Amino acid sequence: MNTIAIAELKAHLSAELKKVRAGATLLIMDRKQPVARIIPLTSGLTLSHRASRSPQWIAYEPLLQTDPLVALETERADSW
């Protein structure tokens, strides 16, 4: 079992995950105390279902009903 500090794991996450994919177990240490273990997934493991909620886009009414440049020119003309 390989041990690694959190800071080192953050710096080399991709490389460490490649080792886990190859079958290595990774023990994560925080100030010389073990906090987590990353183990390879067993083959054939799949998600049981898709996420039930997907992002929903909401259509908002535009704040300006005209072209912004026309509104700006109109506002500047009023101030002269």
Protein backbone atom coordinates (compact mmCIF):
# COMPACT_ATOMS: atom_id res chain seq x y z
CA MET A 1 0.00 0.00 0.00
CA ASN A 2 1.40 3.38 -1.04
CA THR A 3 1.12 6.34 1.34
CA ILE A 4 0.94 9.96 0.21
CA ALA A 5 0.42 13.34 1.87
CA ILE A 6 -2.56 15.46 0.85
CA ALA A 7 -0.39 18.22 -0.63
CA GLU A 8 1.55 15.72 -2.73
CA LEU A 9 -1.67 14.05 -3.86
CA LYS A 10 -3.06 17.42 -4.96
CA ALA A 11 0.10 18.12 -6.93
CA HIS A 12 0.20 14.70 -8.64
CA LEU A 13 -3.41 13.55 -8.68
CA SER A 14 -3.48 12.26 -12.27
CA ALA A 15 -0.32 10.21 -11.86
CA GLU A 16 -1.52 8.73 -8.57
CA LEU A 17 -4.89 7.80 -10.05
CA LYS A 18 -3.10 6.00 -12.88
CA LYS A 19 -1.39 3.87 -10.23
CA VAL A 20 -4.73 3.13 -8.60
CA ARG A 21 -6.22 2.13 -11.96
CA ALA A 22 -3.31 -0.27 -12.34
CA GLY A 23 -4.28 -1.93 -9.05
CA ALA A 24 -2.40 -0.01 -6.34
CA THR A 25 -4.05 1.04 -3.08
CA LEU A 26 -3.32 4.56 -1.90
CA LEU A 27 -3.38 5.66 1.74
CA ILE A 28 -3.83 9.42 2.16
CA MET A 29 -2.10 10.99 5.14
CA ASP A 30 -2.83 14.31 6.88
CA ARG A 31 -0.01 15.33 9.22
CA LYS A 32 1.18 11.72 9.49
CA GLN A 33 -2.34 10.49 10.33
CA PRO A 34 -4.21 8.29 7.85
CA VAL A 35 -7.46 9.94 6.71
CA ALA A 36 -8.59 8.01 3.63
CA ARG A 37 -7.81 5.13 1.33
CA ILE A 38 -8.28 5.03 -2.43
CA ILE A 39 -8.72 1.55 -3.84
CA PRO A 40 -9.28 0.43 -7.42
CA LEU A 41 -12.86 -0.29 -8.45
CA THR A 42 -13.73 -3.88 -9.19
CA SER A 43 -14.44 -4.60 -12.83
CA GLY A 44 -18.05 -4.54 -13.91
CA LEU A 45 -19.04 -1.87 -11.38
CA THR A 46 -21.54 0.55 -12.89
CA LEU A 47 -23.84 3.27 -11.64
CA SER A 48 -27.31 1.98 -10.85
CA HIS A 49 -29.09 4.96 -12.42
CA ARG A 50 -28.50 8.31 -14.00
CA ALA A 51 -28.79 11.51 -12.07
CA SER A 52 -32.44 12.31 -11.51
CA ARG A 53 -32.05 16.05 -11.92
CA SER A 54 -30.39 17.82 -14.76
CA PRO A 55 -29.73 21.55 -14.96
CA GLN A 56 -32.72 23.52 -16.12
CA TRP A 57 -32.24 26.76 -18.02
CA ILE A 58 -34.79 29.44 -17.29
CA ALA A 59 -35.65 32.05 -19.91
CA TYR A 60 -35.62 35.55 -18.48
CA GLU A 61 -37.17 38.64 -19.95
CA PRO A 62 -34.46 41.00 -21.22
CA LEU A 63 -33.92 44.11 -19.09
CA LEU A 64 -33.84 46.34 -22.17
CA GLN A 65 -36.47 46.00 -24.86
CA THR A 66 -34.34 47.93 -27.37
CA ASP A 67 -30.81 47.69 -28.61
CA PRO A 68 -28.42 48.67 -25.76
CA LEU A 69 -26.48 51.08 -27.98
CA VAL A 70 -29.67 52.90 -29.01
CA ALA A 71 -30.71 53.17 -25.35
CA LEU A 72 -27.27 54.56 -24.44
CA GLU A 73 -27.35 57.12 -27.26
CA THR A 74 -30.85 58.20 -26.21
CA GLU A 75 -29.76 58.59 -22.59
CA ARG A 76 -26.67 60.61 -23.58
CA ALA A 77 -28.74 62.84 -25.86
CA ASP A 78 -31.10 63.64 -22.95
CA SER A 79 -28.24 64.77 -20.73
CA TRP A 80 -26.91 67.42 -23.17
